[in-house]
Amino acid sequence: MADFFEARDRERELSEQTAEIAERIATTEDQVAVIFNAVADSHPERADALRGHAQAAREFAVHERREAQRLRTTTDPSSAPTDASGSPKA
């Protein structure tokens, strides 16, 4: 049973690390969107395409934040095996 709890703890640790990376990616994508918008302001001939890229970056940032949230909520401690009374098995 100790192996189960060690594996569960490792899963939680890796999920948290992955969630942190997803949040960093989201922050980077937000920064990319700001840059694309700034370049669009100085290049009106390409503004529509650049603003489209900015919007795509913002959408990906939202996706990554949702993924980070999912990773943090799917590692539920109640998933441990229990006995007939509902207590965690030793």
Protein backbone atom coordinates (compact mmCIF):
# COMPACT_ATOMS: atom_id res chain seq x y z
CA MET A 1 0.00 0.00 0.00
CA ALA A 2 2.93 2.33 0.61
CA ASP A 3 3.71 2.16 -3.12
CA PHE A 4 0.23 3.47 -3.90
CA PHE A 5 0.64 6.45 -1.59
CA GLU A 6 4.13 7.19 -2.91
CA ALA A 7 2.85 7.06 -6.48
CA ARG A 8 -0.12 9.27 -5.60
CA ASP A 9 2.16 11.81 -3.95
CA ARG A 10 4.47 11.78 -6.97
CA GLU A 11 1.47 12.26 -9.28
CA ARG A 12 0.38 15.30 -7.27
CA GLU A 13 3.90 16.71 -7.34
CA LEU A 14 4.19 16.28 -11.12
CA SER A 15 0.72 17.69 -11.70
CA GLU A 16 1.61 20.78 -9.68
CA GLN A 17 4.86 21.24 -11.59
CA THR A 18 3.01 20.88 -14.88
CA ALA A 19 0.37 23.39 -13.71
CA GLU A 20 3.11 25.89 -12.85
CA ILE A 21 4.63 25.47 -16.31
CA ALA A 22 1.21 25.97 -17.92
CA GLU A 23 0.81 29.21 -15.98
CA ARG A 24 4.23 30.40 -17.14
CA ILE A 25 3.29 29.59 -20.72
CA ALA A 26 0.07 31.57 -20.28
CA THR A 27 2.01 34.57 -18.96
CA THR A 28 4.38 34.37 -21.92
CA GLU A 29 1.47 34.17 -24.36
CA ASP A 30 -0.06 37.29 -22.77
CA GLN A 31 3.25 39.08 -23.32
CA VAL A 32 3.39 37.87 -26.92
CA ALA A 33 -0.11 39.31 -27.46
CA VAL A 34 1.01 42.70 -26.15
CA ILE A 35 4.00 42.66 -28.51
CA PHE A 36 1.88 41.69 -31.52
CA ASN A 37 -0.52 44.54 -30.74
CA ALA A 38 2.34 47.02 -30.40
CA VAL A 39 3.82 45.93 -33.73
CA ALA A 40 0.35 46.15 -35.31
CA ASP A 41 0.14 49.78 -34.22
CA SER A 42 3.36 50.59 -36.04
CA HIS A 43 2.60 48.50 -39.16
CA PRO A 44 -0.94 49.34 -40.25
CA GLU A 45 -0.51 47.39 -43.49
CA ARG A 46 -0.20 44.17 -41.46
CA ALA A 47 -2.30 45.21 -38.47
CA ASP A 48 -5.16 42.79 -39.06
CA ALA A 49 -2.90 39.76 -39.28
CA LEU A 50 -0.83 40.85 -36.29
CA ARG A 51 -3.92 41.47 -34.19
CA GLY A 52 -5.15 38.03 -35.20
CA HIS A 53 -1.91 36.55 -33.89
CA ALA A 54 -2.35 38.55 -30.69
CA GLN A 55 -5.86 37.17 -30.25
CA ALA A 56 -4.63 33.62 -30.82
CA ALA A 57 -1.95 34.13 -28.18
CA ARG A 58 -4.53 35.41 -25.67
CA GLU A 59 -6.79 32.44 -26.40
CA PHE A 60 -3.92 30.04 -25.86
CA ALA A 61 -3.15 31.78 -22.56
CA VAL A 62 -6.73 31.13 -21.45
CA HIS A 63 -6.40 27.50 -22.51
CA GLU A 64 -3.19 27.05 -20.51
CA ARG A 65 -4.74 28.64 -17.40
CA ARG A 66 -7.69 26.28 -17.65
CA GLU A 67 -5.30 23.36 -18.02
CA ALA A 68 -3.39 24.48 -14.92
CA GLN A 69 -6.66 24.64 -12.99
CA ARG A 70 -7.69 21.19 -14.24
CA LEU A 71 -4.36 19.73 -13.19
CA ARG A 72 -4.78 21.17 -9.71
CA THR A 73 -8.32 19.91 -9.24
CA THR A 74 -8.02 16.39 -10.67
CA THR A 75 -5.47 15.19 -8.13
CA ASP A 76 -8.07 14.64 -5.45
CA PRO A 77 -6.94 13.10 -2.14
CA SER A 78 -10.28 11.27 -1.90
CA SER A 79 -9.08 8.94 -4.67
CA ALA A 80 -7.09 6.84 -2.19
CA PRO A 81 -8.34 3.28 -1.67
CA THR A 82 -10.66 2.90 1.29
CA ASP A 83 -11.94 0.04 3.40
CA ALA A 84 -15.62 -0.83 3.87
CA SER A 85 -16.05 1.98 6.42
CA GLY A 86 -14.64 4.60 4.04
CA SER A 87 -11.38 4.97 5.95
CA PRO A 88 -8.10 5.02 4.01
CA LYS A 89 -6.50 1.62 3.80
CA ALA A 90 -3.18 1.35 5.59
